[in-house]
Amino acid sequence: MTADSINHPKHYTKGKIEPIDFINANDMDYLEGNIIKYISRYKYKGGIEDLEKAGFYLKMLIQRERSGGDIDE
């Protein structure tokens, strides 16, 4: 594994901005960041599984917003 595959994996560098830079620049939290991460890489890494992971975090984010911040199931 090279340093580039750790710091700048190919599945995150296909666009004009790396997801981590977008997430940090927009002060996104864990749930929001994971949604961005999985959506931005699904074509290049995990396919449908990455979309399902994004959906998992999106459902949690919706639940949190509806409940005013409580995400207990």
Protein backbone atom coordinates (compact mmCIF):
# COMPACT_ATOMS: atom_id res chain seq x y z
CA MET A 1 0.00 0.00 0.00
CA THR A 2 1.45 3.34 -0.99
CA ALA A 3 1.12 6.63 0.85
CA ASP A 4 -1.03 7.90 -2.00
CA SER A 5 -3.53 5.06 -1.53
CA ILE A 6 -3.83 6.08 2.12
CA ASN A 7 -3.92 9.87 1.79
CA HIS A 8 -5.57 10.20 -1.62
CA PRO A 9 -7.26 6.93 -2.67
CA LYS A 10 -8.20 6.80 -6.36
CA HIS A 11 -11.90 6.31 -5.59
CA TYR A 12 -11.90 9.67 -3.78
CA THR A 13 -9.86 11.66 -6.31
CA LYS A 14 -12.04 11.19 -9.40
CA GLY A 15 -13.86 14.49 -8.89
CA LYS A 16 -12.68 18.08 -8.66
CA ILE A 17 -12.59 18.00 -4.84
CA GLU A 18 -11.93 15.11 -2.48
CA PRO A 19 -14.90 14.27 -0.26
CA ILE A 20 -12.90 14.87 2.93
CA ASP A 21 -12.10 18.41 1.79
CA PHE A 22 -15.76 19.09 0.97
CA ILE A 23 -16.89 17.60 4.30
CA ASN A 24 -14.40 19.67 6.30
CA ALA A 25 -15.05 22.88 4.35
CA ASN A 26 -18.76 22.57 5.10
CA ASP A 27 -18.41 21.58 8.77
CA MET A 28 -20.35 18.36 8.24
CA ASP A 29 -20.80 15.90 11.07
CA TYR A 30 -20.29 12.13 11.05
CA LEU A 31 -23.64 11.21 9.50
CA GLU A 32 -23.50 13.92 6.84
CA GLY A 33 -19.88 13.12 6.03
CA ASN A 34 -20.54 9.42 5.56
CA ILE A 35 -23.42 10.16 3.20
CA ILE A 36 -21.10 12.31 1.07
CA LYS A 37 -18.30 9.76 1.27
CA TYR A 38 -20.36 6.79 0.11
CA ILE A 39 -22.26 8.68 -2.60
CA SER A 40 -19.07 10.13 -4.06
CA ARG A 41 -17.27 6.79 -4.31
CA TYR A 42 -19.97 4.28 -5.24
CA LYS A 43 -19.18 4.30 -8.98
CA TYR A 44 -15.49 3.64 -8.37
CA LYS A 45 -15.41 1.34 -5.34
CA GLY A 46 -18.42 -0.23 -3.66
CA GLY A 47 -21.28 0.06 -6.15
CA ILE A 48 -24.72 -0.75 -4.78
CA GLU A 49 -23.27 -1.58 -1.36
CA ASP A 50 -21.94 1.98 -1.02
CA LEU A 51 -25.37 3.35 -1.99
CA GLU A 52 -26.94 1.14 0.69
CA LYS A 53 -24.44 2.43 3.23
CA ALA A 54 -25.27 6.02 2.23
CA GLY A 55 -28.95 5.14 2.66
CA PHE A 56 -28.27 3.78 6.15
CA TYR A 57 -26.66 7.05 7.23
CA LEU A 58 -29.32 9.10 5.45
CA LYS A 59 -32.07 7.27 7.37
CA MET A 60 -30.24 7.94 10.62
CA LEU A 61 -29.87 11.63 9.71
CA ILE A 62 -33.58 11.90 8.87
CA GLN A 63 -34.47 10.20 12.14
CA ARG A 64 -32.19 12.56 14.07
CA GLU A 65 -33.67 15.64 12.41
CA ARG A 66 -37.25 14.49 12.97
CA SER A 67 -36.60 13.77 16.63
CA GLY A 68 -34.74 16.96 17.36
CA GLY A 69 -31.36 15.31 17.78
CA ASP A 70 -32.18 11.97 19.41
CA ILE A 71 -31.32 8.96 17.23
CA ASP A 72 -32.15 6.15 19.66
CA GLU A 73 -33.96 3.36 17.91
